Amino acid sequence: MNNSNQSLSENDQGNTTNTAKASWGLIAFILLVIIAIGVAWQFTGSNTDIAKTQEPIIQPAVSVEPTPEKILDPAPVETEEITVVIPPAATSQIEELSVVQENPLPLLDESDNWLKLKLPEITWRKELLQLIIDEDMIRRFVVFTDNFAQGNLAYEHSPFVLPKGKFFPDKSSTSFEQTSQSTEGATIKQNVWQWSERSSERFSLYIELLRSMDSDSLVQWYTEVKPLIDEAYSELGYDDDFTQVLQDAITRVLDMEVPKSPMKLIQPSVVYKFADPQLEALPATEKLLLRLGKDNLLVMKSVLLELHEKLAQQANGISEG
């Protein structure tokens, strides 16, 4: 009996010890979970604090001895997704700033290389771009246009290379003598030739280049380069809007009338002149337009009329805005 009681006591003692060990293991596990949650809450705060501060969450390392039964995972921290809404006005400003940064205008003195890259965008006849003088292009355009608007030709500032062919009259037609009065009042006789439309063929490539340019692209390109054009125009001592000068130059071409009767030429010296005194008295710009020939002039008028209207629409849009 004593042995059995002693054996029972030993079993009870063992069971009690095992139960105690299991209880302490469970208690230790619960304590570790509570400690981990408390530490996480202390160092992370609430979700509202996270959304306000927008700072990265740094959890300190906690040295905890893992229990044999289970290795604890760190408590997950919930975060909220932040959506930033940019007002439309700010978006527009950001886009404009991006365009300025991506396509900044060069300095006027350094604009030739930049223009060489831009010119192919406005014509599909890229082989004809060789007609343009690619040196100091903006200043040439401004000076030549300013003079043209006043009826003068500044050949030394021409944006284009000179035609390769030379002017010649139609000498196949019968020449005859014409009497006229010299400046001294004396009567002189000289040969008179008919105008040759073949001599106008030397300008055909220039007209083809102009016709190959898209008017919308030209206006857009002009607007983009306008600050450099204004700078070059101000160098001449002007403070007016250059667009008006350009419109005046275009209007001079549009107002040019094509002679109804065949033109006649005389050669009192090395240079040919118009036999009609009224034609010879025209400004240099009009006489150049006459030398273009009827067909070339009509094409030029058509292209410039469309450009003139779109420049006017743009100017009205800016003034109304």
C-alpha atoms as a PDB file:
ATOM      1  CA  MET A   1       0.000   0.000   0.000  1.00  0.00           C
ATOM      2  CA  ASN A   2       2.725   2.370   0.926  1.00  0.00           C
ATOM      3  CA  ASN A   3       4.537   1.601  -2.296  1.00  0.00           C
ATOM      4  CA  SER A   4       1.451   2.223  -4.374  1.00  0.00           C
ATOM      5  CA  ASN A   5       0.761   5.452  -2.546  1.00  0.00           C
ATOM      6  CA  GLN A   6       4.330   6.458  -2.992  1.00  0.00           C
ATOM      7  CA  SER A   7       4.135   5.626  -6.674  1.00  0.00           C
ATOM      8  CA  LEU A   8       0.910   7.591  -7.037  1.00  0.00           C
ATOM      9  CA  SER A   9       2.450  10.558  -5.288  1.00  0.00           C
ATOM     10  CA  GLU A  10       5.375  10.471  -7.651  1.00  0.00           C
ATOM     11  CA  ASN A  11       2.997  10.364 -10.662  1.00  0.00           C
ATOM     12  CA  ASP A  12       0.982  13.250  -9.297  1.00  0.00           C
ATOM     13  CA  GLN A  13       4.134  15.159  -8.710  1.00  0.00           C
ATOM     14  CA  GLY A  14       5.264  14.502 -12.298  1.00  0.00           C
ATOM     15  CA  ASN A  15       1.885  15.496 -13.718  1.00  0.00           C
ATOM     16  CA  THR A  16       1.928  18.621 -11.631  1.00  0.00           C
ATOM     17  CA  THR A  17       5.379  19.458 -12.887  1.00  0.00           C
ATOM     18  CA  ASN A  18       4.360  18.871 -16.540  1.00  0.00           C
ATOM     19  CA  THR A  19       1.204  20.924 -16.067  1.00  0.00           C
ATOM     20  CA  ALA A  20       3.204  23.708 -14.511  1.00  0.00           C
ATOM     21  CA  LYS A  21       5.672  23.632 -17.398  1.00  0.00           C
ATOM     22  CA  ALA A  22       2.845  23.747 -19.939  1.00  0.00           C
ATOM     23  CA  SER A  23       1.156  26.587 -18.070  1.00  0.00           C
ATOM     24  CA  TRP A  24       4.369  28.615 -17.877  1.00  0.00           C
ATOM     25  CA  GLY A  25       4.976  28.027 -21.597  1.00  0.00           C
ATOM     26  CA  LEU A  26       1.502  29.303 -22.422  1.00  0.00           C
ATOM     27  CA  ILE A  27       1.912  32.279 -20.107  1.00  0.00           C
ATOM     28  CA  ALA A  28       5.300  33.112 -21.643  1.00  0.00           C
ATOM     29  CA  PHE A  29       3.781  32.957 -25.145  1.00  0.00           C
ATOM     30  CA  ILE A  30       0.940  35.334 -24.152  1.00  0.00           C
ATOM     31  CA  LEU A  31       3.402  37.732 -22.498  1.00  0.00           C
ATOM     32  CA  LEU A  32       5.588  37.818 -25.599  1.00  0.00           C
ATOM     33  CA  VAL A  33       2.586  38.601 -27.810  1.00  0.00           C
ATOM     34  CA  ILE A  34       1.515  41.425 -25.467  1.00  0.00           C
ATOM     35  CA  ILE A  35       5.047  42.823 -25.373  1.00  0.00           C
ATOM     36  CA  ALA A  36       5.346  42.693 -29.166  1.00  0.00           C
ATOM     37  CA  ILE A  37       2.006  44.496 -29.650  1.00  0.00           C
ATOM     38  CA  GLY A  38       2.927  47.111 -27.044  1.00  0.00           C
ATOM     39  CA  VAL A  39       6.302  47.777 -28.619  1.00  0.00           C
ATOM     40  CA  ALA A  40       4.770  48.010 -32.103  1.00  0.00           C
ATOM     41  CA  TRP A  41       2.088  50.449 -30.898  1.00  0.00           C
ATOM     42  CA  GLN A  42       4.628  52.579 -29.037  1.00  0.00           C
ATOM     43  CA  PHE A  43       6.912  53.017 -32.044  1.00  0.00           C
ATOM     44  CA  THR A  44       4.356  53.195 -34.890  1.00  0.00           C
ATOM     45  CA  GLY A  45       1.420  55.094 -33.407  1.00  0.00           C
ATOM     46  CA  SER A  46      -2.054  55.022 -34.939  1.00  0.00           C
ATOM     47  CA  ASN A  47      -2.911  54.862 -38.621  1.00  0.00           C
ATOM     48  CA  THR A  48      -3.999  58.514 -38.526  1.00  0.00           C
ATOM     49  CA  ASP A  49      -0.519  59.559 -37.367  1.00  0.00           C
ATOM     50  CA  ILE A  50       1.019  57.632 -40.255  1.00  0.00           C
ATOM     51  CA  ALA A  51      -1.135  59.406 -42.806  1.00  0.00           C
ATOM     52  CA  LYS A  52      -0.249  62.818 -41.329  1.00  0.00           C
ATOM     53  CA  THR A  53       3.501  62.493 -40.965  1.00  0.00           C
ATOM     54  CA  GLN A  54       4.197  60.363 -44.073  1.00  0.00           C
ATOM     55  CA  GLU A  55       7.497  59.285 -42.498  1.00  0.00           C
ATOM     56  CA  PRO A  56       9.012  55.841 -42.948  1.00  0.00           C
ATOM     57  CA  ILE A  57       8.191  53.390 -40.138  1.00  0.00           C
ATOM     58  CA  ILE A  58      11.228  52.048 -38.339  1.00  0.00           C
ATOM     59  CA  GLN A  59      10.659  49.208 -35.893  1.00  0.00           C
ATOM     60  CA  PRO A  60      13.401  48.625 -33.333  1.00  0.00           C
ATOM     61  CA  ALA A  61      14.723  45.140 -33.034  1.00  0.00           C
ATOM     62  CA  VAL A  62      13.392  43.313 -29.978  1.00  0.00           C
ATOM     63  CA  SER A  63      15.506  40.516 -28.683  1.00  0.00           C
ATOM     64  CA  VAL A  64      13.160  37.751 -27.633  1.00  0.00           C
ATOM     65  CA  GLU A  65      14.075  34.176 -27.043  1.00  0.00           C
ATOM     66  CA  PRO A  66      11.794  32.025 -29.195  1.00  0.00           C
ATOM     67  CA  THR A  67       9.867  29.273 -27.511  1.00  0.00           C
ATOM     68  CA  PRO A  68      10.336  25.745 -28.714  1.00  0.00           C
ATOM     69  CA  GLU A  69       6.685  25.566 -29.683  1.00  0.00           C
ATOM     70  CA  LYS A  70       6.553  28.622 -32.033  1.00  0.00           C
ATOM     71  CA  ILE A  71       8.696  31.442 -33.359  1.00  0.00           C
ATOM     72  CA  LEU A  72       6.778  34.715 -33.152  1.00  0.00           C
ATOM     73  CA  ASP A  73       6.277  36.836 -36.274  1.00  0.00           C
ATOM     74  CA  PRO A  74       6.338  40.650 -35.906  1.00  0.00           C
ATOM     75  CA  ALA A  75       2.893  42.174 -35.638  1.00  0.00           C
ATOM     76  CA  PRO A  76       1.709  43.547 -39.048  1.00  0.00           C
ATOM     77  CA  VAL A  77       1.256  47.311 -39.282  1.00  0.00           C
ATOM     78  CA  GLU A  78      -1.631  48.555 -41.378  1.00  0.00           C
ATOM     79  CA  THR A  79      -1.004  51.576 -43.653  1.00  0.00           C
ATOM     80  CA  GLU A  80      -3.363  53.712 -45.680  1.00  0.00           C
ATOM     81  CA  GLU A  81      -2.870  54.509 -49.398  1.00  0.00           C
ATOM     82  CA  ILE A  82      -2.362  58.258 -49.920  1.00  0.00           C
ATOM     83  CA  THR A  83      -3.795  59.841 -53.079  1.00  0.00           C
ATOM     84  CA  VAL A  84      -2.422  63.260 -54.047  1.00  0.00           C
ATOM     85  CA  VAL A  85      -4.790  65.353 -56.152  1.00  0.00           C
ATOM     86  CA  ILE A  86      -3.149  68.110 -58.252  1.00  0.00           C
ATOM     87  CA  PRO A  87      -5.456  70.992 -59.252  1.00  0.00           C
ATOM     88  CA  PRO A  88      -5.940  71.498 -63.042  1.00  0.00           C
ATOM     89  CA  ALA A  89      -4.267  74.921 -62.905  1.00  0.00           C
ATOM     90  CA  ALA A  90      -1.186  73.462 -61.270  1.00  0.00           C
ATOM     91  CA  THR A  91      -1.140  70.655 -63.834  1.00  0.00           C
ATOM     92  CA  SER A  92      -1.178  73.195 -66.666  1.00  0.00           C
ATOM     93  CA  GLN A  93       1.694  75.122 -65.084  1.00  0.00           C
ATOM     94  CA  ILE A  94       3.684  71.922 -64.645  1.00  0.00           C
ATOM     95  CA  GLU A  95       3.127  70.982 -68.311  1.00  0.00           C
ATOM     96  CA  GLU A  96       4.161  74.469 -69.492  1.00  0.00           C
ATOM     97  CA  LEU A  97       7.261  74.342 -67.315  1.00  0.00           C
ATOM     98  CA  SER A  98       8.081  70.899 -68.712  1.00  0.00           C
ATOM     99  CA  VAL A  99       7.795  72.183 -72.296  1.00  0.00           C
ATOM    100  CA  VAL A 100      10.039  75.134 -71.516  1.00  0.00           C
ATOM    101  CA  GLN A 101      12.615  72.877 -69.940  1.00  0.00           C
ATOM    102  CA  GLU A 102      12.520  70.339 -72.777  1.00  0.00           C
ATOM    103  CA  ASN A 103      12.628  72.889 -75.631  1.00  0.00           C
ATOM    104  CA  PRO A 104      14.468  75.986 -74.402  1.00  0.00           C
ATOM    105  CA  LEU A 105      15.303  78.641 -76.972  1.00  0.00           C
ATOM    106  CA  PRO A 106      19.010  79.135 -77.642  1.00  0.00           C
ATOM    107  CA  LEU A 107      20.768  82.475 -77.556  1.00  0.00           C
ATOM    108  CA  LEU A 108      20.355  84.557 -80.708  1.00  0.00           C
ATOM    109  CA  ASP A 109      24.069  84.249 -81.523  1.00  0.00           C
ATOM    110  CA  GLU A 110      23.831  80.462 -81.152  1.00  0.00           C
ATOM    111  CA  SER A 111      20.505  79.895 -82.929  1.00  0.00           C
ATOM    112  CA  ASP A 112      21.784  78.712 -86.335  1.00  0.00           C
ATOM    113  CA  ASN A 113      22.484  75.107 -85.306  1.00  0.00           C
ATOM    114  CA  TRP A 114      19.130  74.932 -83.521  1.00  0.00           C
ATOM    115  CA  LEU A 115      17.317  76.238 -86.606  1.00  0.00           C
ATOM    116  CA  LYS A 116      19.059  73.719 -88.857  1.00  0.00           C
ATOM    117  CA  LEU A 117      17.337  71.000 -86.842  1.00  0.00           C
ATOM    118  CA  LYS A 118      13.963  72.773 -86.933  1.00  0.00           C
ATOM    119  CA  LEU A 119      13.769  73.694 -90.632  1.00  0.00           C
ATOM    120  CA  PRO A 120      13.246  70.123 -91.926  1.00  0.00           C
ATOM    121  CA  GLU A 121      10.048  69.969 -89.853  1.00  0.00           C
ATOM    122  CA  ILE A 122       8.236  72.575 -91.951  1.00  0.00           C
ATOM    123  CA  THR A 123       8.765  71.184 -95.460  1.00  0.00           C
ATOM    124  CA  TRP A 124       8.629  67.846 -97.241  1.00  0.00           C
ATOM    125  CA  ARG A 125      11.050  69.100 -99.914  1.00  0.00           C
ATOM    126  CA  LYS A 126      14.069  68.896 -97.640  1.00  0.00           C
ATOM    127  CA  GLU A 127      16.481  68.884-100.571  1.00  0.00           C
ATOM    128  CA  LEU A 128      15.419  72.483-101.296  1.00  0.00           C
ATOM    129  CA  LEU A 129      16.646  73.694 -97.902  1.00  0.00           C
ATOM    130  CA  GLN A 130      20.037  74.133 -99.537  1.00  0.00           C
ATOM    131  CA  LEU A 131      18.606  77.335-101.032  1.00  0.00           C
ATOM    132  CA  ILE A 132      18.588  78.894 -97.541  1.00  0.00           C
ATOM    133  CA  ILE A 133      21.730  80.602 -96.256  1.00  0.00           C
ATOM    134  CA  ASP A 134      22.337  78.894 -92.902  1.00  0.00           C
ATOM    135  CA  GLU A 135      24.428  81.672 -91.356  1.00  0.00           C
ATOM    136  CA  ASP A 136      22.858  84.260 -89.023  1.00  0.00           C
ATOM    137  CA  MET A 137      19.462  83.136 -90.308  1.00  0.00           C
ATOM    138  CA  ILE A 138      17.199  85.038 -87.923  1.00  0.00           C
ATOM    139  CA  ARG A 139      18.958  88.384 -88.396  1.00  0.00           C
ATOM    140  CA  ARG A 140      18.924  87.904 -92.178  1.00  0.00           C
ATOM    141  CA  PHE A 141      15.204  87.189 -92.120  1.00  0.00           C
ATOM    142  CA  VAL A 142      14.480  90.234 -89.958  1.00  0.00           C
ATOM    143  CA  VAL A 143      16.630  92.709 -91.911  1.00  0.00           C
ATOM    144  CA  PHE A 144      15.467  91.504 -95.336  1.00  0.00           C
ATOM    145  CA  THR A 145      11.781  91.522 -94.298  1.00  0.00           C
ATOM    146  CA  ASP A 146      12.059  94.989 -92.757  1.00  0.00           C
ATOM    147  CA  ASN A 147      13.578  96.365 -95.965  1.00  0.00           C
ATOM    148  CA  PHE A 148      11.091  94.499 -98.178  1.00  0.00           C
ATOM    149  CA  ALA A 149       8.153  95.966 -96.245  1.00  0.00           C
ATOM    150  CA  GLN A 150       9.524  99.415 -97.127  1.00  0.00           C
ATOM    151  CA  GLY A 151       9.972  98.573-100.800  1.00  0.00           C
ATOM    152  CA  ASN A 152      13.736  98.011-100.650  1.00  0.00           C
ATOM    153  CA  LEU A 153      15.847  94.933-101.389  1.00  0.00           C
ATOM    154  CA  ALA A 154      18.715  94.181 -99.006  1.00  0.00           C
ATOM    155  CA  TYR A 155      20.490  91.605-101.154  1.00  0.00           C
ATOM    156  CA  GLU A 156      23.444  91.379 -98.760  1.00  0.00           C
ATOM    157  CA  HIS A 157      21.004  90.177 -96.079  1.00  0.00           C
ATOM    158  CA  SER A 158      18.993  87.843 -98.306  1.00  0.00           C
ATOM    159  CA  PRO A 159      17.892  84.621 -96.557  1.00  0.00           C
ATOM    160  CA  PHE A 160      18.393  82.752 -99.849  1.00  0.00           C
ATOM    161  CA  VAL A 161      21.323  82.077-102.121  1.00  0.00           C
ATOM    162  CA  LEU A 162      21.248  83.914-105.450  1.00  0.00           C
ATOM    163  CA  PRO A 163      19.735  82.101-108.431  1.00  0.00           C
ATOM    164  CA  LYS A 164      22.284  80.327-110.582  1.00  0.00           C
ATOM    165  CA  GLY A 165      20.743  81.354-113.883  1.00  0.00           C
ATOM    166  CA  LYS A 166      20.915  84.843-115.320  1.00  0.00           C
ATOM    167  CA  PHE A 167      18.169  87.042-116.634  1.00  0.00           C
ATOM    168  CA  PHE A 168      17.776  87.257-120.383  1.00  0.00           C
ATOM    169  CA  PRO A 169      15.114  88.700-122.691  1.00  0.00           C
ATOM    170  CA  ASP A 170      13.441  86.944-125.578  1.00  0.00           C
ATOM    171  CA  LYS A 171      15.784  87.967-128.344  1.00  0.00           C
ATOM    172  CA  SER A 172      14.132  85.583-130.778  1.00  0.00           C
ATOM    173  CA  SER A 173      11.381  88.139-131.212  1.00  0.00           C
ATOM    174  CA  THR A 174      11.848  90.840-133.776  1.00  0.00           C
ATOM    175  CA  SER A 175      13.607  93.805-132.262  1.00  0.00           C
ATOM    176  CA  PHE A 176      12.821  97.287-133.344  1.00  0.00           C
ATOM    177  CA  GLU A 177      14.022 100.787-132.630  1.00  0.00           C
ATOM    178  CA  GLN A 178      12.196 103.128-130.330  1.00  0.00           C
ATOM    179  CA  THR A 179      12.756 106.816-129.977  1.00  0.00           C
ATOM    180  CA  SER A 180      12.854 108.303-126.496  1.00  0.00           C
ATOM    181  CA  GLN A 181      14.084 111.379-124.759  1.00  0.00           C
ATOM    182  CA  SER A 182      17.314 111.242-122.773  1.00  0.00           C
ATOM    183  CA  THR A 183      17.848 113.144-119.551  1.00  0.00           C
ATOM    184  CA  GLU A 184      19.496 115.902-121.576  1.00  0.00           C
ATOM    185  CA  GLY A 185      16.454 116.130-123.856  1.00  0.00           C
ATOM    186  CA  ALA A 186      18.100 114.475-126.828  1.00  0.00           C
ATOM    187  CA  THR A 187      16.277 111.851-128.859  1.00  0.00           C
ATOM    188  CA  ILE A 188      17.894 108.419-128.761  1.00  0.00           C
ATOM    189  CA  LYS A 189      17.126 105.099-130.402  1.00  0.00           C
ATOM    190  CA  GLN A 190      17.421 101.732-128.702  1.00  0.00           C
ATOM    191  CA  ASN A 191      16.442  98.117-129.179  1.00  0.00           C
ATOM    192  CA  VAL A 192      13.374  96.723-127.421  1.00  0.00           C
ATOM    193  CA  TRP A 193      12.908  93.043-126.530  1.00  0.00           C
ATOM    194  CA  GLN A 194       9.959  91.038-125.320  1.00  0.00           C
ATOM    195  CA  TRP A 195       9.944  89.624-121.816  1.00  0.00           C
ATOM    196  CA  SER A 196      10.930  85.933-121.726  1.00  0.00           C
ATOM    197  CA  GLU A 197       9.038  83.727-119.293  1.00  0.00           C
ATOM    198  CA  ARG A 198      11.925  81.275-119.557  1.00  0.00           C
ATOM    199  CA  SER A 199      14.088  83.670-117.563  1.00  0.00           C
ATOM    200  CA  SER A 200      11.657  83.236-114.656  1.00  0.00           C
ATOM    201  CA  GLU A 201      12.415  79.517-114.421  1.00  0.00           C
ATOM    202  CA  ARG A 202      15.463  80.305-112.273  1.00  0.00           C
ATOM    203  CA  PHE A 203      13.046  81.226-109.461  1.00  0.00           C
ATOM    204  CA  SER A 204      10.960  78.052-109.720  1.00  0.00           C
ATOM    205  CA  LEU A 205      12.845  76.130-107.004  1.00  0.00           C
ATOM    206  CA  TYR A 206      12.337  78.967-104.528  1.00  0.00           C
ATOM    207  CA  ILE A 207       8.614  78.945-105.237  1.00  0.00           C
ATOM    208  CA  GLU A 208       8.537  75.153-104.861  1.00  0.00           C
ATOM    209  CA  LEU A 209      10.211  75.480-101.445  1.00  0.00           C
ATOM    210  CA  LEU A 210       7.610  78.028-100.370  1.00  0.00           C
ATOM    211  CA  ARG A 211       4.757  75.862-101.673  1.00  0.00           C
ATOM    212  CA  SER A 212       6.085  72.771 -99.859  1.00  0.00           C
ATOM    213  CA  MET A 213       5.825  74.480 -96.475  1.00  0.00           C
ATOM    214  CA  ASP A 214       2.720  73.847 -94.377  1.00  0.00           C
ATOM    215  CA  SER A 215       1.154  77.151 -93.310  1.00  0.00           C
ATOM    216  CA  ASP A 216       0.112  75.826 -89.885  1.00  0.00           C
ATOM    217  CA  SER A 217       3.642  74.609 -89.216  1.00  0.00           C
ATOM    218  CA  LEU A 218       5.042  77.939 -90.407  1.00  0.00           C
ATOM    219  CA  VAL A 219       2.841  79.928 -88.013  1.00  0.00           C
ATOM    220  CA  GLN A 220       3.654  77.577 -85.134  1.00  0.00           C
ATOM    221  CA  TRP A 221       7.360  77.787 -85.933  1.00  0.00           C
ATOM    222  CA  TYR A 222       7.191  81.585 -86.194  1.00  0.00           C
ATOM    223  CA  THR A 223       5.480  81.799 -82.798  1.00  0.00           C
ATOM    224  CA  GLU A 224       8.108  79.588 -81.214  1.00  0.00           C
ATOM    225  CA  VAL A 225      11.012  81.606 -82.621  1.00  0.00           C
ATOM    226  CA  LYS A 226       9.294  84.988 -82.049  1.00  0.00           C
ATOM    227  CA  PRO A 227      11.360  85.950 -78.944  1.00  0.00           C
ATOM    228  CA  LEU A 228      14.587  85.623 -80.962  1.00  0.00           C
ATOM    229  CA  ILE A 229      13.014  87.512 -83.883  1.00  0.00           C
ATOM    230  CA  ASP A 230      11.970  90.330 -81.537  1.00  0.00           C
ATOM    231  CA  GLU A 231      15.497  90.465 -80.140  1.00  0.00           C
ATOM    232  CA  ALA A 232      17.000  90.768 -83.623  1.00  0.00           C
ATOM    233  CA  TYR A 233      14.415  93.412 -84.546  1.00  0.00           C
ATOM    234  CA  SER A 234      15.194  95.453 -81.419  1.00  0.00           C
ATOM    235  CA  GLU A 235      18.866  95.443 -82.453  1.00  0.00           C
ATOM    236  CA  LEU A 236      17.809  97.606 -85.413  1.00  0.00           C
ATOM    237  CA  GLY A 237      16.493 100.224 -82.982  1.00  0.00           C
ATOM    238  CA  TYR A 238      12.791  99.336 -83.208  1.00  0.00           C
ATOM    239  CA  ASP A 239      10.382  98.719 -80.346  1.00  0.00           C
ATOM    240  CA  ASP A 240       7.355  97.797 -82.514  1.00  0.00           C
ATOM    241  CA  ASP A 241       5.867  94.352 -83.029  1.00  0.00           C
ATOM    242  CA  PHE A 242       7.711  92.601 -85.866  1.00  0.00           C
ATOM    243  CA  THR A 243       4.580  90.683 -86.839  1.00  0.00           C
ATOM    244  CA  GLN A 244       3.133  93.898 -88.266  1.00  0.00           C
ATOM    245  CA  VAL A 245       6.281  94.329 -90.373  1.00  0.00           C
ATOM    246  CA  LEU A 246       5.905  90.784 -91.658  1.00  0.00           C
ATOM    247  CA  GLN A 247       2.255  91.424 -92.493  1.00  0.00           C
ATOM    248  CA  ASP A 248       3.231  94.607 -94.375  1.00  0.00           C
ATOM    249  CA  ALA A 249       5.782  92.671 -96.423  1.00  0.00           C
ATOM    250  CA  ILE A 250       3.207  89.988 -97.274  1.00  0.00           C
ATOM    251  CA  THR A 251       0.613  92.630 -98.153  1.00  0.00           C
ATOM    252  CA  ARG A 252       3.077  94.210-100.577  1.00  0.00           C
ATOM    253  CA  VAL A 253       3.202  90.891-102.462  1.00  0.00           C
ATOM    254  CA  LEU A 254      -0.573  90.389-102.370  1.00  0.00           C
ATOM    255  CA  ASP A 255      -1.221  93.898-103.710  1.00  0.00           C
ATOM    256  CA  MET A 256       1.142  93.418-106.658  1.00  0.00           C
ATOM    257  CA  GLU A 257      -0.787  93.420-109.920  1.00  0.00           C
ATOM    258  CA  VAL A 258       0.276  91.210-112.784  1.00  0.00           C
ATOM    259  CA  PRO A 259       0.650  93.263-115.990  1.00  0.00           C
ATOM    260  CA  LYS A 260      -2.026  92.431-118.536  1.00  0.00           C
ATOM    261  CA  SER A 261       0.079  93.247-121.572  1.00  0.00           C
ATOM    262  CA  PRO A 262       3.464  91.633-122.359  1.00  0.00           C
ATOM    263  CA  MET A 263       6.364  93.406-120.714  1.00  0.00           C
ATOM    264  CA  LYS A 264       9.091  94.906-122.852  1.00  0.00           C
ATOM    265  CA  LEU A 265      12.739  95.494-121.995  1.00  0.00           C
ATOM    266  CA  ILE A 266      15.468  97.874-123.032  1.00  0.00           C
ATOM    267  CA  GLN A 267      19.196  97.831-122.317  1.00  0.00           C
ATOM    268  CA  PRO A 268      20.494 101.383-122.056  1.00  0.00           C
ATOM    269  CA  SER A 269      23.576 100.055-120.217  1.00  0.00           C
ATOM    270  CA  VAL A 270      24.714  96.705-118.858  1.00  0.00           C
ATOM    271  CA  VAL A 271      21.507  96.233-116.880  1.00  0.00           C
ATOM    272  CA  TYR A 272      18.148  95.566-118.524  1.00  0.00           C
ATOM    273  CA  LYS A 273      15.288  97.882-117.671  1.00  0.00           C
ATOM    274  CA  PHE A 274      11.562  97.933-118.318  1.00  0.00           C
ATOM    275  CA  ALA A 275      10.658  99.870-121.425  1.00  0.00           C
ATOM    276  CA  ASP A 276       7.460 101.092-119.755  1.00  0.00           C
ATOM    277  CA  PRO A 277       8.423 104.095-117.566  1.00  0.00           C
ATOM    278  CA  GLN A 278       5.646 103.277-115.074  1.00  0.00           C
ATOM    279  CA  LEU A 279       6.997  99.774-114.506  1.00  0.00           C
ATOM    280  CA  GLU A 280      10.553 101.046-114.233  1.00  0.00           C
ATOM    281  CA  ALA A 281       9.432 103.585-111.617  1.00  0.00           C
ATOM    282  CA  LEU A 282       8.092 100.847-109.315  1.00  0.00           C
ATOM    283  CA  PRO A 283       9.950 100.092-106.039  1.00  0.00           C
ATOM    284  CA  ALA A 284      12.716  97.492-106.212  1.00  0.00           C
ATOM    285  CA  THR A 285      10.500  94.919-104.483  1.00  0.00           C
ATOM    286  CA  GLU A 286       7.751  95.170-107.118  1.00  0.00           C
ATOM    287  CA  LYS A 287      10.236  94.902-109.969  1.00  0.00           C
ATOM    288  CA  LEU A 288      11.652  91.749-108.350  1.00  0.00           C
ATOM    289  CA  LEU A 289       8.130  90.298-108.195  1.00  0.00           C
ATOM    290  CA  LEU A 290       7.689  91.061-111.876  1.00  0.00           C
ATOM    291  CA  ARG A 291      10.910  89.204-112.653  1.00  0.00           C
ATOM    292  CA  LEU A 292       9.495  86.145-110.881  1.00  0.00           C
ATOM    293  CA  GLY A 293       7.118  85.703-113.789  1.00  0.00           C
ATOM    294  CA  LYS A 294       3.343  85.491-113.872  1.00  0.00           C
ATOM    295  CA  ASP A 295       2.996  81.822-112.884  1.00  0.00           C
ATOM    296  CA  ASN A 296       5.481  81.998-109.999  1.00  0.00           C
ATOM    297  CA  LEU A 297       3.908  85.193-108.701  1.00  0.00           C
ATOM    298  CA  LEU A 298       0.419  83.678-108.657  1.00  0.00           C
ATOM    299  CA  VAL A 299       1.637  80.651-106.682  1.00  0.00           C
ATOM    300  CA  MET A 300       3.475  82.931-104.253  1.00  0.00           C
ATOM    301  CA  LYS A 301       0.346  85.029-103.766  1.00  0.00           C
ATOM    302  CA  SER A 302      -1.728  81.927-103.005  1.00  0.00           C
ATOM    303  CA  VAL A 303       0.678  80.628-100.357  1.00  0.00           C
ATOM    304  CA  LEU A 304       1.203  84.011 -98.697  1.00  0.00           C
ATOM    305  CA  LEU A 305      -2.535  84.746 -98.632  1.00  0.00           C
ATOM    306  CA  GLU A 306      -3.141  81.633 -96.522  1.00  0.00           C
ATOM    307  CA  LEU A 307      -0.208  82.506 -94.272  1.00  0.00           C
ATOM    308  CA  HIS A 308      -1.433  86.096 -93.957  1.00  0.00           C
ATOM    309  CA  GLU A 309      -4.896  84.958 -92.816  1.00  0.00           C
ATOM    310  CA  LYS A 310      -3.523  82.546 -90.200  1.00  0.00           C
ATOM    311  CA  LEU A 311      -1.165  85.152 -88.793  1.00  0.00           C
ATOM    312  CA  ALA A 312      -4.102  87.543 -88.511  1.00  0.00           C
ATOM    313  CA  GLN A 313      -6.222  84.880 -86.778  1.00  0.00           C
ATOM    314  CA  GLN A 314      -3.448  84.192 -84.311  1.00  0.00           C
ATOM    315  CA  ALA A 315      -2.962  87.905 -83.589  1.00  0.00           C
ATOM    316  CA  ASN A 316      -6.714  88.353 -83.020  1.00  0.00           C
ATOM    317  CA  GLY A 317      -6.812  85.308 -80.761  1.00  0.00           C
ATOM    318  CA  ILE A 318      -3.990  86.666 -78.626  1.00  0.00           C
ATOM    319  CA  SER A 319      -5.542  90.138 -78.381  1.00  0.00           C
ATOM    320  CA  GLU A 320      -8.972  88.724 -77.470  1.00  0.00           C
ATOM    321  CA  GLY A 321      -7.426  86.376 -74.910  1.00  0.00           C
END
